[in-house]
N, C-alpha and C. Protein backbone atom coordinates (compact mmCIF):
# COMPACT_ATOMS: atom_id res chain seq x y z
N MET A 1 -24.70 -189.13 152.74
CA MET A 1 -23.00 -188.95 152.67
C MET A 1 -22.35 -189.94 152.61
N ALA A 2 -22.75 -191.27 153.13
CA ALA A 2 -22.10 -192.20 152.04
C ALA A 2 -21.41 -192.40 150.98
N SER A 3 -22.78 -191.87 149.84
CA SER A 3 -22.54 -191.90 148.57
C SER A 3 -21.10 -191.33 148.24
N VAL A 4 -20.93 -190.16 148.80
CA VAL A 4 -20.07 -189.25 148.66
C VAL A 4 -18.20 -190.13 149.36
N VAL A 5 -19.03 -190.45 149.88
CA VAL A 5 -17.38 -191.19 150.71
C VAL A 5 -17.46 -192.24 149.41
N GLY A 6 -18.19 -192.93 149.31
CA GLY A 6 -17.96 -194.42 148.31
C GLY A 6 -17.46 -193.41 146.32
N LEU A 7 -18.13 -191.31 146.08
CA LEU A 7 -17.48 -191.50 145.09
C LEU A 7 -16.03 -191.31 145.73
N VAL A 8 -15.61 -190.48 146.63
CA VAL A 8 -14.20 -190.10 146.98
C VAL A 8 -13.46 -191.34 146.70
N GLU A 9 -13.87 -192.98 146.75
CA GLU A 9 -13.10 -193.56 147.53
C GLU A 9 -12.80 -193.95 145.91
N SER A 10 -13.92 -194.16 145.21
CA SER A 10 -13.68 -194.52 143.44
C SER A 10 -13.01 -193.82 143.28
N ILE A 11 -12.80 -192.30 143.08
CA ILE A 11 -11.85 -191.40 142.44
C ILE A 11 -10.27 -192.04 142.99
N LYS A 12 -10.66 -192.22 144.44
CA LYS A 12 -8.77 -192.16 144.81
C LYS A 12 -8.42 -193.50 143.73
N THR A 13 -9.08 -194.71 144.05
CA THR A 13 -9.27 -195.86 143.29
C THR A 13 -8.77 -196.17 141.28
N THR A 14 -9.54 -194.74 141.00
CA THR A 14 -8.82 -195.02 139.56
C THR A 14 -7.77 -194.07 139.28
N LEU A 15 -7.93 -193.39 140.09
CA LEU A 15 -6.03 -192.10 140.31
C LEU A 15 -5.11 -193.07 140.49
N LEU A 16 -5.16 -193.64 141.36
CA LEU A 16 -3.84 -194.74 142.12
C LEU A 16 -3.72 -196.18 140.82
N MET A 17 -4.55 -196.40 140.00
CA MET A 17 -4.73 -197.08 138.84
C MET A 17 -3.94 -196.23 137.86
N LEU A 18 -4.43 -195.26 137.39
CA LEU A 18 -3.88 -194.71 136.09
C LEU A 18 -3.18 -193.54 136.17
N GLY A 19 -3.11 -193.12 137.25
CA GLY A 19 -1.91 -191.79 137.81
C GLY A 19 -0.55 -191.68 137.10
N PRO A 20 -0.25 -192.99 137.41
CA PRO A 20 1.30 -192.74 137.23
C PRO A 20 1.49 -192.98 135.54
N SER A 21 0.58 -193.86 135.15
CA SER A 21 0.76 -193.75 133.63
C SER A 21 0.72 -192.45 132.67
N ILE A 22 -0.26 -192.35 133.35
CA ILE A 22 -0.50 -190.56 132.71
C ILE A 22 0.30 -189.93 132.83
N SER A 23 1.00 -189.90 134.13
CA SER A 23 2.15 -189.22 133.83
C SER A 23 3.18 -189.38 133.54
N ILE A 24 3.86 -190.30 133.30
CA ILE A 24 5.28 -191.17 132.22
C ILE A 24 4.32 -190.53 130.91
N ILE A 25 3.32 -191.12 130.56
CA ILE A 25 3.27 -190.40 128.70
C ILE A 25 3.54 -188.81 129.03
N LEU A 26 2.27 -188.25 129.62
CA LEU A 26 3.00 -186.42 129.73
C LEU A 26 3.82 -186.12 129.74
N ILE A 27 4.74 -186.63 130.44
CA ILE A 27 6.10 -186.50 130.70
C ILE A 27 7.05 -186.42 129.45
N VAL A 28 6.85 -188.22 128.95
CA VAL A 28 7.59 -188.30 127.68
C VAL A 28 7.12 -187.37 126.56
N LEU A 29 5.43 -187.60 126.62
CA LEU A 29 5.48 -186.27 124.99
C LEU A 29 5.53 -185.02 125.29
N GLY A 30 5.94 -184.91 126.41
CA GLY A 30 6.11 -182.87 126.68
C GLY A 30 8.26 -182.79 126.40
N ALA A 31 8.85 -183.66 126.32
CA ALA A 31 10.18 -183.84 126.45
C ALA A 31 10.24 -183.77 125.42
N ILE A 32 9.43 -185.17 124.10
CA ILE A 32 9.87 -185.29 122.69
C ILE A 32 9.42 -184.04 122.22
N ALA A 33 8.10 -183.28 122.37
CA ALA A 33 7.39 -182.22 121.83
C ALA A 33 8.30 -180.72 122.29
N TYR A 34 9.30 -180.63 123.30
CA TYR A 34 10.72 -179.77 123.55
C TYR A 34 11.78 -180.28 122.38
N GLY A 35 11.88 -181.20 122.28
CA GLY A 35 13.02 -181.58 121.43
C GLY A 35 12.60 -181.60 120.21
N LEU A 36 11.43 -181.15 119.51
CA LEU A 36 11.17 -181.43 118.18
C LEU A 36 11.36 -179.45 117.78
N ALA A 37 10.49 -178.99 118.92
CA ALA A 37 10.48 -177.31 118.88
C ALA A 37 11.79 -177.33 118.95
N GLN A 38 13.34 -177.37 118.91
CA GLN A 38 14.14 -177.11 118.50
C GLN A 38 14.63 -177.14 117.31
N THR A 39 13.77 -177.59 116.44
CA THR A 39 14.17 -178.15 115.31
C THR A 39 12.98 -176.92 114.63
N GLN A 40 12.21 -176.25 114.81
CA GLN A 40 11.29 -175.30 114.00
C GLN A 40 11.70 -173.82 113.81
N PRO A 41 11.55 -173.45 113.23
CA PRO A 41 11.75 -171.97 112.77
C PRO A 41 11.36 -171.33 114.02
N ALA A 42 11.71 -169.86 114.39
CA ALA A 42 11.58 -169.01 115.61
C ALA A 42 10.40 -168.64 115.97
N GLU A 43 9.85 -168.77 114.56
CA GLU A 43 8.30 -167.73 114.41
C GLU A 43 7.28 -169.46 114.95
N ASN A 44 7.43 -170.48 115.32
CA ASN A 44 6.63 -171.70 115.49
C ASN A 44 7.52 -172.09 116.94
N ARG A 45 8.23 -171.94 117.19
CA ARG A 45 9.29 -172.83 118.45
C ARG A 45 8.41 -172.10 119.97
N GLY A 46 8.18 -171.00 119.75
CA GLY A 46 7.30 -170.62 121.11
C GLY A 46 6.14 -171.48 121.41
N LYS A 47 5.27 -171.44 120.17
CA LYS A 47 4.28 -172.56 120.60
C LYS A 47 4.56 -174.13 121.01
N TRP A 48 5.76 -174.80 120.41
CA TRP A 48 6.07 -176.16 120.56
C TRP A 48 6.32 -175.77 121.78
N GLN A 49 7.48 -174.81 122.63
CA GLN A 49 7.73 -175.12 123.87
C GLN A 49 6.17 -175.04 124.69
N SER A 50 5.57 -174.22 124.41
CA SER A 50 4.46 -173.47 125.25
C SER A 50 3.63 -174.66 125.83
N MET A 51 3.53 -175.84 124.62
CA MET A 51 2.98 -177.07 124.33
C MET A 51 3.15 -177.64 125.39
N ALA A 52 4.67 -177.94 125.25
CA ALA A 52 5.65 -179.18 125.40
C ALA A 52 5.86 -178.61 126.99
N MET A 53 5.74 -177.53 127.86
CA MET A 53 5.95 -177.38 129.43
C MET A 53 4.45 -177.57 129.69
N GLY A 54 3.37 -177.34 128.92
CA GLY A 54 1.93 -177.54 129.34
C GLY A 54 1.65 -179.04 129.84
N MET A 55 2.30 -179.88 128.95
CA MET A 55 2.69 -181.12 128.72
C MET A 55 3.44 -181.81 130.32
N ILE A 56 4.50 -180.95 129.94
CA ILE A 56 5.67 -181.88 131.50
C ILE A 56 5.02 -181.16 132.74
N ILE A 57 4.21 -180.02 132.61
CA ILE A 57 3.98 -179.21 134.16
C ILE A 57 2.37 -180.64 134.42
N GLY A 58 2.29 -180.82 133.42
CA GLY A 58 0.86 -181.12 133.70
C GLY A 58 1.04 -182.84 134.41
N GLY A 59 2.10 -183.43 133.53
CA GLY A 59 2.35 -184.66 134.19
C GLY A 59 2.98 -184.39 135.86
N ILE A 60 3.86 -183.96 135.70
CA ILE A 60 4.04 -183.27 137.48
C ILE A 60 2.80 -183.04 138.25
N ILE A 61 1.98 -182.17 137.83
CA ILE A 61 0.74 -182.42 138.55
C ILE A 61 0.09 -183.84 138.86
N VAL A 62 -0.07 -184.29 137.32
CA VAL A 62 -1.11 -185.42 138.17
C VAL A 62 -0.01 -186.50 138.89
N ALA A 63 1.29 -186.65 138.82
CA ALA A 63 2.23 -187.47 140.00
C ALA A 63 1.70 -187.13 141.31
N ALA A 64 2.04 -185.85 141.76
CA ALA A 64 1.42 -185.05 142.43
C ALA A 64 0.54 -185.38 143.30
N LEU A 65 -0.57 -185.21 142.41
CA LEU A 65 -1.45 -185.79 142.93
C LEU A 65 -1.97 -187.86 142.80
N THR A 66 -1.05 -188.13 142.52
CA THR A 66 -1.53 -189.50 143.08
C THR A 66 -0.66 -189.89 144.25
N GLY A 67 0.91 -189.06 144.10
CA GLY A 67 1.40 -189.48 145.68
C GLY A 67 0.49 -189.23 146.62
N ALA A 68 -0.52 -188.12 146.73
CA ALA A 68 -1.64 -187.37 147.87
C ALA A 68 -2.81 -187.98 147.49
N ALA A 69 -3.03 -189.46 146.66
CA ALA A 69 -4.38 -189.70 146.71
C ALA A 69 -4.85 -190.03 147.77
N GLN A 70 -4.17 -190.84 148.71
CA GLN A 70 -4.49 -191.45 149.86
C GLN A 70 -4.87 -190.93 150.86
N LEU A 71 -3.68 -189.56 150.58
CA LEU A 71 -4.06 -188.58 151.39
C LEU A 71 -5.31 -187.81 151.82
N ILE A 72 -5.43 -187.62 150.48
CA ILE A 72 -6.64 -186.43 149.91
C ILE A 72 -8.24 -187.40 150.30
N ALA A 73 -8.37 -188.44 150.18
CA ALA A 73 -9.15 -189.02 150.41
C ALA A 73 -9.75 -189.76 152.22
N ASP A 74 -8.50 -189.82 152.25
CA ASP A 74 -8.70 -190.00 153.76
C ASP A 74 -8.97 -188.62 155.03
N THR A 75 -8.85 -187.38 154.52
CA THR A 75 -8.96 -186.72 154.98
C THR A 75 -10.47 -186.15 154.67
N SER A 76 -11.35 -186.07 153.24
CA SER A 76 -12.41 -185.79 152.60
C SER A 76 -12.83 -186.80 153.41
N SER A 77 -12.90 -188.27 153.62
CA SER A 77 -13.70 -189.08 154.26
C SER A 77 -14.28 -188.97 155.69
N THR A 78 -12.75 -188.07 156.31
CA THR A 78 -13.51 -187.76 157.42
C THR A 78 -13.84 -186.58 157.72
N LEU A 79 -14.04 -186.00 156.95
CA LEU A 79 -14.77 -184.22 156.88
C LEU A 79 -16.19 -184.20 156.67
N LEU A 80 -15.81 -185.57 155.62
CA LEU A 80 -17.80 -186.06 155.42
C LEU A 80 -18.08 -186.33 156.23
N LYS A 81 -17.68 -187.24 157.17
CA LYS A 81 -18.50 -188.12 157.96
C LYS A 81 -19.33 -187.68 159.56
């Protein structure tokens, strides 16, 4: 069981280090892609907008997971003990 708790702690540490950067990058790239979508012809605009919204939502999800990483790790470690 100790190895599982260690794994959860290492995932938490990695997420806390990389999460904010990944989140900001995804949101900014999504915004740029959405802006570029507006310059595309109508038949291509939907694909660009879908990709952009996916990146923005992904960035928001990563930010939420990063914010909750400590709570998730604490809950997981108490359940596994």
